[in-house]
């Protein structure tokens, strides 16, 4: 039983869920959301997208194990808005010739 619990805690999908949960708690602390509400259910697709995107980026970069889990957590925490902001900053730097 304990091995099963550790296997779940050691998965990239759990890291994706943790990343979105950190984002959700941050918004609750700012007063923009209630902790228990429909907003919490709305994070489920974000967890799945963060997991898939994070694992794809990790595979592209050749990461595995803990490094892949860390990348999945970061991608899930950023979500679509954070990732868009990073992409805009990167592309604006490339346009300026940096």
PDB file of N, CA and C in Angstrom:
ATOM      1  N   UNK A   1       0.826  -1.199   0.000  1.00  0.00           N
ATOM      2  CA  UNK A   1       0.000   0.000   0.000  1.00  0.00           C
ATOM      3  C   UNK A   1       0.865   1.256   0.000  1.00  0.00           C
ATOM      4  N   UNK A   2       1.888   1.266   0.835  1.00  0.00           N
ATOM      5  CA  UNK A   2       2.746   2.448   0.898  1.00  0.00           C
ATOM      6  C   UNK A   2       3.510   2.637  -0.405  1.00  0.00           C
ATOM      7  N   UNK A   3       3.897   1.551  -1.056  1.00  0.00           N
ATOM      8  CA  UNK A   3       4.613   1.668  -2.330  1.00  0.00           C
ATOM      9  C   UNK A   3       3.727   2.320  -3.379  1.00  0.00           C
ATOM     10  N   UNK A   4       2.432   2.012  -3.352  1.00  0.00           N
ATOM     11  CA  UNK A   4       1.497   2.628  -4.295  1.00  0.00           C
ATOM     12  C   UNK A   4       1.361   4.120  -4.069  1.00  0.00           C
ATOM     13  N   UNK A   5       1.332   4.532  -2.811  1.00  0.00           N
ATOM     14  CA  UNK A   5       1.231   5.962  -2.490  1.00  0.00           C
ATOM     15  C   UNK A   5       2.483   6.690  -2.964  1.00  0.00           C
ATOM     16  N   UNK A   6       3.651   6.102  -2.719  1.00  0.00           N
ATOM     17  CA  UNK A   6       4.900   6.742  -3.157  1.00  0.00           C
ATOM     18  C   UNK A   6       4.999   6.785  -4.673  1.00  0.00           C
ATOM     19  N   UNK A   7       4.451   5.776  -5.347  1.00  0.00           N
ATOM     20  CA  UNK A   7       4.478   5.779  -6.812  1.00  0.00           C
ATOM     21  C   UNK A   7       3.657   6.936  -7.367  1.00  0.00           C
ATOM     22  N   UNK A   8       2.506   7.219  -6.738  1.00  0.00           N
ATOM     23  CA  UNK A   8       1.672   8.343  -7.177  1.00  0.00           C
ATOM     24  C   UNK A   8       2.381   9.661  -6.903  1.00  0.00           C
ATOM     25  N   UNK A   9       2.964   9.798  -5.711  1.00  0.00           N
ATOM     26  CA  UNK A   9       3.653  11.038  -5.355  1.00  0.00           C
ATOM     27  C   UNK A   9       4.901  11.266  -6.198  1.00  0.00           C
ATOM     28  N   UNK A  10       5.430  10.210  -6.779  1.00  0.00           N
ATOM     29  CA  UNK A  10       6.651  10.303  -7.572  1.00  0.00           C
ATOM     30  C   UNK A  10       6.354  10.393  -9.070  1.00  0.00           C
ATOM     31  N   UNK A  11       5.129  10.747  -9.436  1.00  0.00           N
ATOM     32  CA  UNK A  11       4.766  10.789 -10.848  1.00  0.00           C
ATOM     33  C   UNK A  11       4.744  12.219 -11.376  1.00  0.00           C
ATOM     34  N   UNK A  12       4.909  12.342 -12.676  1.00  0.00           N
ATOM     35  CA  UNK A  12       4.869  13.658 -13.321  1.00  0.00           C
ATOM     36  C   UNK A  12       3.454  14.222 -13.299  1.00  0.00           C
ATOM     37  N   UNK A  13       2.444  13.358 -13.337  1.00  0.00           N
ATOM     38  CA  UNK A  13       1.061  13.840 -13.280  1.00  0.00           C
ATOM     39  C   UNK A  13       0.780  14.498 -11.932  1.00  0.00           C
ATOM     40  N   UNK A  14       1.323  13.942 -10.856  1.00  0.00           N
ATOM     41  CA  UNK A  14       1.187  14.569  -9.544  1.00  0.00           C
ATOM     42  C   UNK A  14       1.887  15.926  -9.529  1.00  0.00           C
ATOM     43  N   UNK A  15       3.047  16.013 -10.170  1.00  0.00           N
ATOM     44  CA  UNK A  15       3.766  17.288 -10.250  1.00  0.00           C
ATOM     45  C   UNK A  15       2.936  18.325 -10.990  1.00  0.00           C
ATOM     46  N   UNK A  16       2.244  17.900 -12.045  1.00  0.00           N
ATOM     47  CA  UNK A  16       1.375  18.821 -12.786  1.00  0.00           C
ATOM     48  C   UNK A  16       0.232  19.308 -11.899  1.00  0.00           C
ATOM     49  N   UNK A  17      -0.363  18.397 -11.150  1.00  0.00           N
ATOM     50  CA  UNK A  17      -1.433  18.788 -10.231  1.00  0.00           C
ATOM     51  C   UNK A  17      -0.940  19.726  -9.148  1.00  0.00           C
ATOM     52  N   UNK A  18       0.250  19.480  -8.652  1.00  0.00           N
ATOM     53  CA  UNK A  18       0.831  20.343  -7.625  1.00  0.00           C
ATOM     54  C   UNK A  18       1.097  21.743  -8.173  1.00  0.00           C
ATOM     55  N   UNK A  19       1.576  21.815  -9.404  1.00  0.00           N
ATOM     56  CA  UNK A  19       1.822  23.117 -10.020  1.00  0.00           C
ATOM     57  C   UNK A  19       0.551  23.947 -10.149  1.00  0.00           C
ATOM     58  N   UNK A  20      -0.538  23.315 -10.597  1.00  0.00           N
ATOM     59  CA  UNK A  20      -1.800  24.051 -10.729  1.00  0.00           C
ATOM     60  C   UNK A  20      -2.385  24.380  -9.361  1.00  0.00           C
ATOM     61  N   UNK A  21      -2.180  23.502  -8.371  1.00  0.00           N
ATOM     62  CA  UNK A  21      -2.692  23.770  -7.029  1.00  0.00           C
ATOM     63  C   UNK A  21      -1.981  24.975  -6.416  1.00  0.00           C
ATOM     64  N   UNK A  22      -0.680  25.092  -6.644  1.00  0.00           N
ATOM     65  CA  UNK A  22       0.057  26.256  -6.145  1.00  0.00           C
ATOM     66  C   UNK A  22      -0.511  27.529  -6.765  1.00  0.00           C
ATOM     67  N   UNK A  23      -0.804  27.493  -8.057  1.00  0.00           N
ATOM     68  CA  UNK A  23      -1.391  28.652  -8.743  1.00  0.00           C
ATOM     69  C   UNK A  23      -2.769  28.974  -8.162  1.00  0.00           C
ATOM     70  N   UNK A  24      -3.576  27.953  -7.934  1.00  0.00           N
ATOM     71  CA  UNK A  24      -4.925  28.143  -7.393  1.00  0.00           C
ATOM     72  C   UNK A  24      -4.867  28.758  -5.992  1.00  0.00           C
ATOM     73  N   UNK A  25      -3.991  28.248  -5.147  1.00  0.00           N
ATOM     74  CA  UNK A  25      -3.852  28.779  -3.785  1.00  0.00           C
ATOM     75  C   UNK A  25      -3.393  30.234  -3.828  1.00  0.00           C
ATOM     76  N   UNK A  26      -2.502  30.553  -4.747  1.00  0.00           N
ATOM     77  CA  UNK A  26      -2.029  31.938  -4.890  1.00  0.00           C
ATOM     78  C   UNK A  26      -3.191  32.873  -5.215  1.00  0.00           C
ATOM     79  N   UNK A  27      -4.066  32.466  -6.122  1.00  0.00           N
ATOM     80  CA  UNK A  27      -5.221  33.294  -6.465  1.00  0.00           C
ATOM     81  C   UNK A  27      -6.208  33.391  -5.302  1.00  0.00           C
ATOM     82  N   UNK A  28      -6.333  32.323  -4.528  1.00  0.00           N
ATOM     83  CA  UNK A  28      -7.203  32.363  -3.342  1.00  0.00           C
ATOM     84  C   UNK A  28      -6.652  33.343  -2.310  1.00  0.00           C
ATOM     85  N   UNK A  29      -5.355  33.348  -2.110  1.00  0.00           N
ATOM     86  CA  UNK A  29      -4.743  34.265  -1.148  1.00  0.00           C
ATOM     87  C   UNK A  29      -4.907  35.714  -1.570  1.00  0.00           C
ATOM     88  N   UNK A  30      -4.924  35.965  -2.870  1.00  0.00           N
ATOM     89  CA  UNK A  30      -5.123  37.323  -3.371  1.00  0.00           C
ATOM     90  C   UNK A  30      -6.589  37.732  -3.328  1.00  0.00           C
ATOM     91  N   UNK A  31      -7.483  36.794  -3.003  1.00  0.00           N
ATOM     92  CA  UNK A  31      -8.906  37.091  -2.925  1.00  0.00           C
ATOM     93  C   UNK A  31      -9.621  37.041  -4.261  1.00  0.00           C
ATOM     94  N   UNK A  32      -8.986  36.490  -5.282  1.00  0.00           N
ATOM     95  CA  UNK A  32      -9.594  36.423  -6.601  1.00  0.00           C
ATOM     96  C   UNK A  32     -10.447  35.179  -6.791  1.00  0.00           C
ATOM     97  N   UNK A  33     -10.306  34.201  -5.900  1.00  0.00           N
ATOM     98  CA  UNK A  33     -11.067  32.951  -5.978  1.00  0.00           C
ATOM     99  C   UNK A  33     -11.407  32.464  -4.585  1.00  0.00           C
ATOM    100  N   UNK A  34     -12.425  31.609  -4.539  1.00  0.00           N
ATOM    101  CA  UNK A  34     -12.688  30.834  -3.328  1.00  0.00           C
ATOM    102  C   UNK A  34     -11.944  29.516  -3.480  1.00  0.00           C
ATOM    103  N   UNK A  35     -11.499  28.947  -2.368  1.00  0.00           N
ATOM    104  CA  UNK A  35     -10.729  27.711  -2.481  1.00  0.00           C
ATOM    105  C   UNK A  35     -11.584  26.576  -3.014  1.00  0.00           C
ATOM    106  N   UNK A  36     -12.730  26.344  -2.382  1.00  0.00           N
ATOM    107  CA  UNK A  36     -13.626  25.297  -2.854  1.00  0.00           C
ATOM    108  C   UNK A  36     -14.688  25.935  -3.723  1.00  0.00           C
ATOM    109  N   UNK A  37     -14.637  25.678  -4.984  1.00  0.00           N
ATOM    110  CA  UNK A  37     -15.595  26.239  -5.918  1.00  0.00           C
ATOM    111  C   UNK A  37     -15.388  25.621  -7.293  1.00  0.00           C
ATOM    112  N   UNK A  38     -16.151  26.113  -8.246  1.00  0.00           N
ATOM    113  CA  UNK A  38     -16.038  25.594  -9.601  1.00  0.00           C
ATOM    114  C   UNK A  38     -14.674  25.894 -10.215  1.00  0.00           C
ATOM    115  N   UNK A  39     -14.016  26.938  -9.697  1.00  0.00           N
ATOM    116  CA  UNK A  39     -12.690  27.268 -10.212  1.00  0.00           C
ATOM    117  C   UNK A  39     -11.700  26.133  -9.986  1.00  0.00           C
ATOM    118  N   UNK A  40     -11.880  25.414  -8.881  1.00  0.00           N
ATOM    119  CA  UNK A  40     -10.993  24.296  -8.580  1.00  0.00           C
ATOM    120  C   UNK A  40     -11.167  23.185  -9.612  1.00  0.00           C
ATOM    121  N   UNK A  41     -12.411  22.932 -10.017  1.00  0.00           N
ATOM    122  CA  UNK A  41     -12.656  21.931 -11.058  1.00  0.00           C
ATOM    123  C   UNK A  41     -12.129  22.390 -12.409  1.00  0.00           C
ATOM    124  N   UNK A  42     -12.132  23.691 -12.624  1.00  0.00           N
ATOM    125  CA  UNK A  42     -11.641  24.227 -13.894  1.00  0.00           C
ATOM    126  C   UNK A  42     -10.136  24.040 -14.041  1.00  0.00           C
ATOM    127  N   UNK A  43      -9.448  23.715 -12.968  1.00  0.00           N
ATOM    128  CA  UNK A  43      -8.002  23.487 -13.037  1.00  0.00           C
ATOM    129  C   UNK A  43      -7.652  22.100 -13.581  1.00  0.00           C
ATOM    130  N   UNK A  44      -8.623  21.187 -13.617  1.00  0.00           N
ATOM    131  CA  UNK A  44      -8.344  19.821 -14.086  1.00  0.00           C
ATOM    132  C   UNK A  44      -7.820  19.811 -15.525  1.00  0.00           C
ATOM    133  N   UNK A  45      -8.463  20.520 -16.468  1.00  0.00           N
ATOM    134  CA  UNK A  45      -7.873  20.549 -17.816  1.00  0.00           C
ATOM    135  C   UNK A  45      -6.479  21.173 -17.831  1.00  0.00           C
ATOM    136  N   UNK A  46      -6.249  22.151 -16.972  1.00  0.00           N
ATOM    137  CA  UNK A  46      -4.923  22.760 -16.883  1.00  0.00           C
ATOM    138  C   UNK A  46      -3.871  21.771 -16.420  1.00  0.00           C
ATOM    139  N   UNK A  47      -4.266  20.883 -15.516  1.00  0.00           N
ATOM    140  CA  UNK A  47      -3.349  19.836 -15.047  1.00  0.00           C
ATOM    141  C   UNK A  47      -2.982  18.915 -16.205  1.00  0.00           C
ATOM    142  N   UNK A  48      -3.988  18.499 -16.956  1.00  0.00           N
ATOM    143  CA  UNK A  48      -3.731  17.578 -18.067  1.00  0.00           C
ATOM    144  C   UNK A  48      -2.895  18.232 -19.167  1.00  0.00           C
ATOM    145  N   UNK A  49      -3.225  19.474 -19.505  1.00  0.00           N
ATOM    146  CA  UNK A  49      -2.455  20.182 -20.537  1.00  0.00           C
ATOM    147  C   UNK A  49      -1.026  20.423 -20.059  1.00  0.00           C
ATOM    148  N   UNK A  50      -0.869  20.816 -18.797  1.00  0.00           N
ATOM    149  CA  UNK A  50       0.470  21.024 -18.251  1.00  0.00           C
ATOM    150  C   UNK A  50       1.289  19.743 -18.245  1.00  0.00           C
ATOM    151  N   UNK A  51       0.633  18.636 -17.935  1.00  0.00           N
ATOM    152  CA  UNK A  51       1.308  17.338 -17.930  1.00  0.00           C
ATOM    153  C   UNK A  51       1.773  16.968 -19.336  1.00  0.00           C
ATOM    154  N   UNK A  52       0.869  17.071 -20.303  1.00  0.00           N
ATOM    155  CA  UNK A  52       1.207  16.682 -21.677  1.00  0.00           C
ATOM    156  C   UNK A  52       2.276  17.606 -22.258  1.00  0.00           C
ATOM    157  N   UNK A  53       2.082  18.914 -22.091  1.00  0.00           N
ATOM    158  CA  UNK A  53       3.055  19.868 -22.635  1.00  0.00           C
ATOM    159  C   UNK A  53       4.409  19.726 -21.944  1.00  0.00           C
ATOM    160  N   UNK A  54       4.394  19.574 -20.631  1.00  0.00           N
ATOM    161  CA  UNK A  54       5.646  19.427 -19.894  1.00  0.00           C
ATOM    162  C   UNK A  54       6.404  18.174 -20.277  1.00  0.00           C
ATOM    163  N   UNK A  55       5.686  17.067 -20.433  1.00  0.00           N
ATOM    164  CA  UNK A  55       6.348  15.824 -20.830  1.00  0.00           C
ATOM    165  C   UNK A  55       6.873  15.910 -22.259  1.00  0.00           C
ATOM    166  N   UNK A  56       6.145  16.611 -23.125  1.00  0.00           N
ATOM    167  CA  UNK A  56       6.614  16.778 -24.503  1.00  0.00           C
ATOM    168  C   UNK A  56       7.895  17.609 -24.538  1.00  0.00           C
ATOM    169  N   UNK A  57       7.919  18.693 -23.779  1.00  0.00           N
ATOM    170  CA  UNK A  57       9.124  19.531 -23.729  1.00  0.00           C
ATOM    171  C   UNK A  57      10.283  18.754 -23.107  1.00  0.00           C
ATOM    172  N   UNK A  58       9.981  17.976 -22.057  1.00  0.00           N
ATOM    173  CA  UNK A  58      11.027  17.172 -21.412  1.00  0.00           C
ATOM    174  C   UNK A  58      11.590  16.135 -22.381  1.00  0.00           C
ATOM    175  N   UNK A  59      10.726  15.513 -23.175  1.00  0.00           N
ATOM    176  CA  UNK A  59      11.200  14.533 -24.157  1.00  0.00           C
ATOM    177  C   UNK A  59      12.057  15.210 -25.218  1.00  0.00           C
ATOM    178  N   UNK A  60      11.647  16.389 -25.645  1.00  0.00           N
ATOM    179  CA  UNK A  60      12.415  17.131 -26.651  1.00  0.00           C
ATOM    180  C   UNK A  60      13.800  17.500 -26.121  1.00  0.00           C
ATOM    181  N   UNK A  61      13.855  17.882 -24.851  1.00  0.00           N
ATOM    182  CA  UNK A  61      15.128  18.268 -24.242  1.00  0.00           C
ATOM    183  C   UNK A  61      15.945  17.075 -23.751  1.00  0.00           C
ATOM    184  N   UNK A  62      15.361  15.883 -23.796  1.00  0.00           N
ATOM    185  CA  UNK A  62      16.064  14.689 -23.346  1.00  0.00           C
ATOM    186  C   UNK A  62      16.102  14.536 -21.839  1.00  0.00           C
ATOM    187  N   UNK A  63      15.142  15.120 -21.137  1.00  0.00           N
ATOM    188  CA  UNK A  63      15.089  15.029 -19.680  1.00  0.00           C
ATOM    189  C   UNK A  63      14.275  13.817 -19.265  1.00  0.00           C
ATOM    190  N   UNK A  64      14.619  13.242 -18.130  1.00  0.00           N
ATOM    191  CA  UNK A  64      13.805  12.171 -17.567  1.00  0.00           C
ATOM    192  C   UNK A  64      13.879  12.241 -16.049  1.00  0.00           C
ATOM    193  N   UNK A  65      13.084  11.442 -15.397  1.00  0.00           N
ATOM    194  CA  UNK A  65      13.095  11.381 -13.943  1.00  0.00           C
ATOM    195  C   UNK A  65      12.705  12.682 -13.272  1.00  0.00           C
ATOM    196  N   UNK A  66      13.479  13.060 -12.278  1.00  0.00           N
ATOM    197  CA  UNK A  66      13.179  14.261 -11.486  1.00  0.00           C
ATOM    198  C   UNK A  66      13.237  15.540 -12.320  1.00  0.00           C
ATOM    199  N   UNK A  67      14.136  15.593 -13.278  1.00  0.00           N
ATOM    200  CA  UNK A  67      14.229  16.791 -14.121  1.00  0.00           C
ATOM    201  C   UNK A  67      12.948  16.973 -14.930  1.00  0.00           C
ATOM    202  N   UNK A  68      12.414  15.887 -15.456  1.00  0.00           N
ATOM    203  CA  UNK A  68      11.158  15.962 -16.208  1.00  0.00           C
ATOM    204  C   UNK A  68      10.011  16.365 -15.290  1.00  0.00           C
ATOM    205  N   UNK A  69       9.990  15.826 -14.073  1.00  0.00           N
ATOM    206  CA  UNK A  69       8.938  16.193 -13.124  1.00  0.00           C
ATOM    207  C   UNK A  69       9.010  17.670 -12.768  1.00  0.00           C
ATOM    208  N   UNK A  70      10.194  18.177 -12.564  1.00  0.00           N
ATOM    209  CA  UNK A  70      10.353  19.599 -12.263  1.00  0.00           C
ATOM    210  C   UNK A  70       9.888  20.471 -13.408  1.00  0.00           C
ATOM    211  N   UNK A  71      10.213  20.074 -14.622  1.00  0.00           N
ATOM    212  CA  UNK A  71       9.764  20.833 -15.787  1.00  0.00           C
ATOM    213  C   UNK A  71       8.248  20.797 -15.911  1.00  0.00           C
ATOM    214  N   UNK A  72       7.644  19.648 -15.671  1.00  0.00           N
ATOM    215  CA  UNK A  72       6.183  19.533 -15.717  1.00  0.00           C
ATOM    216  C   UNK A  72       5.550  20.433 -14.665  1.00  0.00           C
ATOM    217  N   UNK A  73       6.108  20.471 -13.472  1.00  0.00           N
ATOM    218  CA  UNK A  73       5.579  21.337 -12.418  1.00  0.00           C
ATOM    219  C   UNK A  73       5.650  22.803 -12.834  1.00  0.00           C
ATOM    220  N   UNK A  74       6.760  23.225 -13.405  1.00  0.00           N
ATOM    221  CA  UNK A  74       6.914  24.621 -13.823  1.00  0.00           C
ATOM    222  C   UNK A  74       5.940  24.963 -14.940  1.00  0.00           C
ATOM    223  N   UNK A  75       5.830  24.088 -15.938  1.00  0.00           N
ATOM    224  CA  UNK A  75       4.911  24.340 -17.052  1.00  0.00           C
ATOM    225  C   UNK A  75       3.477  24.391 -16.545  1.00  0.00           C
ATOM    226  N   UNK A  76       3.113  23.503 -15.633  1.00  0.00           N
ATOM    227  CA  UNK A  76       1.752  23.502 -15.093  1.00  0.00           C
ATOM    228  C   UNK A  76       1.484  24.737 -14.252  1.00  0.00           C
ATOM    229  N   UNK A  77       2.465  25.172 -13.482  1.00  0.00           N
ATOM    230  CA  UNK A  77       2.296  26.376 -12.675  1.00  0.00           C
ATOM    231  C   UNK A  77       2.087  27.594 -13.568  1.00  0.00           C
ATOM    232  N   UNK A  78       2.888  27.711 -14.609  1.00  0.00           N
ATOM    233  CA  UNK A  78       2.762  28.855 -15.511  1.00  0.00           C
ATOM    234  C   UNK A  78       1.417  28.860 -16.224  1.00  0.00           C
ATOM    235  N   UNK A  79       0.970  27.698 -16.648  1.00  0.00           N
ATOM    236  CA  UNK A  79      -0.294  27.628 -17.364  1.00  0.00           C
ATOM    237  C   UNK A  79      -0.211  28.344 -18.698  1.00  0.00           C
ATOM    238  N   UNK A  80      -1.342  28.466 -19.372  1.00  0.00           N
ATOM    239  CA  UNK A  80      -1.331  29.092 -20.696  1.00  0.00           C
ATOM    240  C   UNK A  80      -0.925  30.565 -20.661  1.00  0.00           C
ATOM    241  N   UNK A  81      -1.376  31.306 -19.667  1.00  0.00           N
ATOM    242  CA  UNK A  81      -1.067  32.741 -19.608  1.00  0.00           C
ATOM    243  C   UNK A  81       0.417  32.985 -19.347  1.00  0.00           C
ATOM    244  N   UNK A  82       0.977  32.259 -18.412  1.00  0.00           N
ATOM    245  CA  UNK A  82       2.395  32.422 -18.114  1.00  0.00           C
ATOM    246  C   UNK A  82       3.277  31.990 -19.268  1.00  0.00           C
ATOM    247  N   UNK A  83       2.886  30.902 -19.917  1.00  0.00           N
ATOM    248  CA  UNK A  83       3.657  30.427 -21.055  1.00  0.00           C
ATOM    249  C   UNK A  83       3.587  31.426 -22.208  1.00  0.00           C
ATOM    250  N   UNK A  84       2.406  32.023 -22.416  1.00  0.00           N
ATOM    251  CA  UNK A  84       2.255  33.041 -23.459  1.00  0.00           C
ATOM    252  C   UNK A  84       3.131  34.256 -23.159  1.00  0.00           C
ATOM    253  N   UNK A  85       3.188  34.663 -21.898  1.00  0.00           N
ATOM    254  CA  UNK A  85       4.027  35.805 -21.517  1.00  0.00           C
ATOM    255  C   UNK A  85       5.505  35.509 -21.780  1.00  0.00           C
ATOM    256  N   UNK A  86       5.960  34.299 -21.436  1.00  0.00           N
ATOM    257  CA  UNK A  86       7.348  33.927 -21.711  1.00  0.00           C
ATOM    258  C   UNK A  86       7.635  33.893 -23.207  1.00  0.00           C
ATOM    259  N   UNK A  87       6.695  33.356 -23.966  1.00  0.00           N
ATOM    260  CA  UNK A  87       6.874  33.280 -25.411  1.00  0.00           C
ATOM    261  C   UNK A  87       6.921  34.672 -26.036  1.00  0.00           C
ATOM    262  N   UNK A  88       6.043  35.571 -25.584  1.00  0.00           N
ATOM    263  CA  UNK A  88       6.048  36.949 -26.093  1.00  0.00           C
ATOM    264  C   UNK A  88       7.372  37.642 -25.793  1.00  0.00           C
ATOM    265  N   UNK A  89       7.873  37.449 -24.571  1.00  0.00           N
ATOM    266  CA  UNK A  89       9.148  38.072 -24.187  1.00  0.00           C
ATOM    267  C   UNK A  89      10.291  37.515 -25.032  1.00  0.00           C
ATOM    268  N   UNK A  90      10.280  36.218 -25.247  1.00  0.00           N
ATOM    269  CA  UNK A  90      11.323  35.587 -26.060  1.00  0.00           C
ATOM    270  C   UNK A  90      11.264  36.087 -27.503  1.00  0.00           C
ATOM    271  N   UNK A  91      10.063  36.121 -28.070  1.00  0.00           N
ATOM    272  CA  UNK A  91       9.926  36.552 -29.462  1.00  0.00           C
ATOM    273  C   UNK A  91      10.226  38.034 -29.639  1.00  0.00           C
ATOM    274  N   UNK A  92       9.877  38.857 -28.664  1.00  0.00           N
ATOM    275  CA  UNK A  92      10.184  40.285 -28.784  1.00  0.00           C
ATOM    276  C   UNK A  92      11.695  40.510 -28.725  1.00  0.00           C
ATOM    277  N   UNK A  93      12.402  39.713 -27.968  1.00  0.00           N
ATOM    278  CA  UNK A  93      13.857  39.798 -27.920  1.00  0.00           C
ATOM    279  C   UNK A  93      14.494  39.366 -29.230  1.00  0.00           C
ATOM    280  N   UNK A  94      13.908  38.375 -29.880  1.00  0.00           N
ATOM    281  CA  UNK A  94      14.439  37.908 -31.166  1.00  0.00           C
ATOM    282  C   UNK A  94      14.196  38.932 -32.263  1.00  0.00           C
ATOM    283  N   UNK A  95      13.068  39.647 -32.184  1.00  0.00           N
ATOM    284  CA  UNK A  95      12.767  40.658 -33.202  1.00  0.00           C
ATOM    285  C   UNK A  95      13.730  41.831 -33.118  1.00  0.00           C
ATOM    286  N   UNK A  96      14.195  42.121 -31.917  1.00  0.00           N
ATOM    287  CA  UNK A  96      15.122  43.242 -31.721  1.00  0.00           C
ATOM    288  C   UNK A  96      16.560  42.852 -32.063  1.00  0.00           C
ATOM    289  N   UNK A  97      16.770  41.604 -32.378  1.00  0.00           N
ATOM    290  CA  UNK A  97      18.113  41.152 -32.735  1.00  0.00           C
ATOM    291  C   UNK A  97      18.957  40.719 -31.560  1.00  0.00           C
ATOM    292  N   UNK A  98      18.341  40.460 -30.412  1.00  0.00           N
ATOM    293  CA  UNK A  98      19.093  40.035 -29.220  1.00  0.00           C
ATOM    294  C   UNK A  98      19.394  38.563 -29.275  1.00  0.00           C
TER     295      UNK A  98
END
